C-alpha atoms as a PDB file:
ATOM      1  CA  MET A   1      46.802  48.577  21.458  1.00  0.00           C
ATOM      2  CA  THR A   2      47.099  49.422  17.861  1.00  0.00           C
ATOM      3  CA  PRO A   3      44.289  49.493  15.293  1.00  0.00           C
ATOM      4  CA  THR A   4      45.594  46.298  13.666  1.00  0.00           C
ATOM      5  CA  ILE A   5      45.097  44.349  16.916  1.00  0.00           C
ATOM      6  CA  TYR A   6      41.497  45.592  17.015  1.00  0.00           C
ATOM      7  CA  THR A   7      41.090  44.422  13.459  1.00  0.00           C
ATOM      8  CA  VAL A   8      42.500  40.978  14.280  1.00  0.00           C
ATOM      9  CA  ILE A   9      40.253  40.671  17.370  1.00  0.00           C
ATOM     10  CA  ALA A  10      37.214  41.760  15.332  1.00  0.00           C
ATOM     11  CA  ALA A  11      38.093  39.227  12.641  1.00  0.00           C
ATOM     12  CA  LEU A  12      38.444  36.448  15.247  1.00  0.00           C
ATOM     13  CA  VAL A  13      35.133  37.366  16.874  1.00  0.00           C
ATOM     14  CA  SER A  14      33.459  37.391  13.443  1.00  0.00           C
ATOM     15  CA  ALA A  15      34.994  34.007  12.577  1.00  0.00           C
ATOM     16  CA  ILE A  16      33.810  32.522  15.873  1.00  0.00           C
ATOM     17  CA  ALA A  17      30.322  33.918  15.290  1.00  0.00           C
ATOM     18  CA  VAL A  18      30.232  32.430  11.776  1.00  0.00           C
ATOM     19  CA  VAL A  19      31.371  29.010  13.083  1.00  0.00           C
ATOM     20  CA  LEU A  20      28.735  29.077  15.853  1.00  0.00           C
ATOM     21  CA  ALA A  21      26.038  30.070  13.372  1.00  0.00           C
ATOM     22  CA  ALA A  22      27.080  27.238  11.055  1.00  0.00           C
ATOM     23  CA  LEU A  23      26.967  24.715  13.894  1.00  0.00           C
ATOM     24  CA  ILE A  24      23.535  25.900  15.017  1.00  0.00           C
ATOM     25  CA  SER A  25      22.278  25.879  11.428  1.00  0.00           C
ATOM     26  CA  ALA A  26      23.668  22.366  10.824  1.00  0.00           C
ATOM     27  CA  SER A  27      22.002  21.075  13.976  1.00  0.00           C
ATOM     28  CA  TYR A  28      18.669  22.664  12.983  1.00  0.00           C
ATOM     29  CA  THR A  29      18.938  21.215   9.467  1.00  0.00           C
ATOM     30  CA  LYS A  30      19.761  17.780  10.861  1.00  0.00           C
ATOM     31  CA  HIS A  31      16.658  17.830  13.099  1.00  0.00           C
ATOM     32  CA  LYS A  32      14.508  19.129  10.260  1.00  0.00           C
ATOM     33  CA  VAL A  33      15.662  16.328   7.937  1.00  0.00           C
ATOM     34  CA  ARG A  34      15.132  13.711  10.651  1.00  0.00           C
ATOM     35  CA  ASN A  35      11.605  14.975  11.353  1.00  0.00           C
ATOM     36  CA  SER A  36      10.792  15.014   7.646  1.00  0.00           C
ATOM     37  CA  PHE A  37      12.047  11.433   7.286  1.00  0.00           C
ATOM     38  CA  MET A  38       9.997  10.259  10.267  1.00  0.00           C
ATOM     39  CA  SER A  39       6.911  11.957   8.843  1.00  0.00           C
ATOM     40  CA  GLU A  40       7.349  10.189   5.504  1.00  0.00           C
ATOM     41  CA  MET A  41       7.898   6.845   7.230  1.00  0.00           C
ATOM     42  CA  GLN A  42       4.694   7.374   9.204  1.00  0.00           C
ATOM     43  CA  LYS A  43       2.809   7.973   5.946  1.00  0.00           C
ATOM     44  CA  VAL A  44       4.239   4.775   4.473  1.00  0.00           C
ATOM     45  CA  TYR A  45       3.265   2.754   7.550  1.00  0.00           C
ATOM     46  CA  GLN A  46      -0.220   4.268   7.561  1.00  0.00           C
ATOM     47  CA  ASN A  47      -0.704   3.348   3.891  1.00  0.00           C
ATOM     48  CA  LEU A  48       0.516  -0.172   4.649  1.00  0.00           C
ATOM     49  CA  ILE A  49      -1.957  -0.501   7.530  1.00  0.00           C
ATOM     50  CA  THR A  50      -4.798   0.753   5.332  1.00  0.00           C
ATOM     51  CA  ASP A  51      -3.891  -1.716   2.560  1.00  0.00           C
ATOM     52  CA  LEU A  52      -3.757  -4.585   5.057  1.00  0.00           C
ATOM     53  CA  GLN A  53      -7.168  -3.645   6.461  1.00  0.00           C
ATOM     54  CA  VAL A  54      -8.694  -3.561   2.972  1.00  0.00           C
ATOM     55  CA  THR A  55      -7.123  -6.933   2.134  1.00  0.00           C
ATOM     56  CA  ASN A  56      -8.319  -8.427   5.415  1.00  0.00           C
ATOM     57  CA  ASN A  57     -11.891  -7.244   4.813  1.00  0.00           C
ATOM     58  CA  ARG A  58     -11.830  -8.634   1.268  1.00  0.00           C
ATOM     59  CA  LEU A  59     -10.554 -11.998   2.504  1.00  0.00           C
ATOM     60  CA  LEU A  60     -13.236 -12.155   5.191  1.00  0.00           C
ATOM     61  CA  THR A  61     -15.925 -11.478   2.594  1.00  0.00           C
ATOM     62  CA  GLU A  62     -14.487 -14.120   0.250  1.00  0.00           C
ATOM     63  CA  ARG A  63     -14.352 -16.647   3.093  1.00  0.00           C
ATOM     64  CA  GLU A  64     -18.002 -16.029   3.924  1.00  0.00           C
ATOM     65  CA  THR A  65     -18.967 -16.440   0.261  1.00  0.00           C
ATOM     66  CA  ASP A  66     -16.948 -19.659   0.040  1.00  0.00           C
ATOM     67  CA  ARG A  67     -18.676 -21.016   3.145  1.00  0.00           C
ATOM     68  CA  GLU A  68     -22.085 -20.268   1.648  1.00  0.00           C
ATOM     69  CA  GLN A  69     -21.111 -22.023  -1.589  1.00  0.00           C
ATOM     70  CA  LEU A  70     -19.797 -25.003   0.384  1.00  0.00           C
ATOM     71  CA  ASP A  71     -23.080 -25.284   2.311  1.00  0.00           C
ATOM     72  CA  THR A  72     -25.010 -25.171  -0.977  1.00  0.00           C
ATOM     73  CA  MET A  73     -22.821 -27.893  -2.454  1.00  0.00           C
ATOM     74  CA  LYS A  74     -23.226 -30.053   0.681  1.00  0.00           C
ATOM     75  CA  ASN A  75     -27.007 -29.779   0.343  1.00  0.00           C
ATOM     76  CA  LYS A  76     -26.823 -30.783  -3.325  1.00  0.00           C
ATOM     77  CA  VAL A  77     -24.613 -33.779  -2.467  1.00  0.00           C
ATOM     78  CA  GLN A  78     -27.128 -34.894   0.150  1.00  0.00           C
ATOM     79  CA  ILE A  79     -29.936 -34.728  -2.419  1.00  0.00           C
ATOM     80  CA  VAL A  80     -27.870 -36.705  -4.942  1.00  0.00           C
ATOM     81  CA  MET A  81     -27.026 -39.330  -2.285  1.00  0.00           C
ATOM     82  CA  VAL A  82     -30.734 -39.774  -1.517  1.00  0.00           C
ATOM     83  CA  ASP A  83     -31.465 -40.121  -5.232  1.00  0.00           C
ATOM     84  CA  ILE A  84     -28.698 -42.733  -5.568  1.00  0.00           C
ATOM     85  CA  ALA A  85     -30.116 -44.705  -2.648  1.00  0.00           C
ATOM     86  CA  ILE A  86     -33.566 -44.664  -4.239  1.00  0.00           C
ATOM     87  CA  LEU A  87     -32.180 -45.745  -7.599  1.00  0.00           C
ATOM     88  CA  LYS A  88     -30.107 -48.557  -6.042  1.00  0.00           C
ATOM     89  CA  GLY A  89     -33.316 -49.971  -4.644  1.00  0.00           C
ATOM     90  CA  LYS A  90     -34.703 -50.176  -8.163  1.00  0.00           C
ATOM     91  CA  GLN A  91     -31.639 -51.837  -9.592  1.00  0.00           C
ATOM     92  CA  CYS A  92     -32.504 -55.106 -11.223  1.00  0.00           C
ATOM     93  CA  ILE A  93     -30.582 -57.443 -13.478  1.00  0.00           C
ATOM     94  CA  ASN A  94     -33.669 -59.102 -14.860  1.00  0.00           C
ATOM     95  CA  ILE A  95     -34.419 -57.485 -18.203  1.00  0.00           C
ATOM     96  CA  ASN A  96     -38.184 -58.054 -17.866  1.00  0.00           C
ATOM     97  CA  CYS A  97     -38.404 -56.679 -14.305  1.00  0.00           C
ATOM     98  CA  PRO A  98     -41.052 -53.930 -14.006  1.00  0.00           C
ATOM     99  CA  SER A  99     -38.890 -52.054 -11.435  1.00  0.00           C
ATOM    100  CA  ARG A 100     -35.962 -51.855 -13.807  1.00  0.00           C
ATOM    101  CA  VAL A 101     -34.731 -48.339 -14.508  1.00  0.00           C
ATOM    102  CA  TYR A 102     -33.561 -47.719 -18.043  1.00  0.00           C
ATOM    103  CA  PRO A 103     -30.896 -45.144 -18.833  1.00  0.00           C
END
């Protein structure tokens, strides 16, 4: 064998090594990018879950407040209905009636 054949073989071995290193590096980079993407997606989903929990808690509180206001209004309506019933009993068309209620 002549020195030029050794040079060609060395060049081929170097080229193969470079190609293998590039393939390994590309595979590593691909996995690294995929893992980074999945990590970012997890953060987004976690923020979404947190926002939904906050919204849900706020809506539950508002619903409870609305129920309390509704109960208060129902009580007031009952009182007004009793007052109306009492006033209807005092309704009189006779102008001189002592039970007549004047506005």
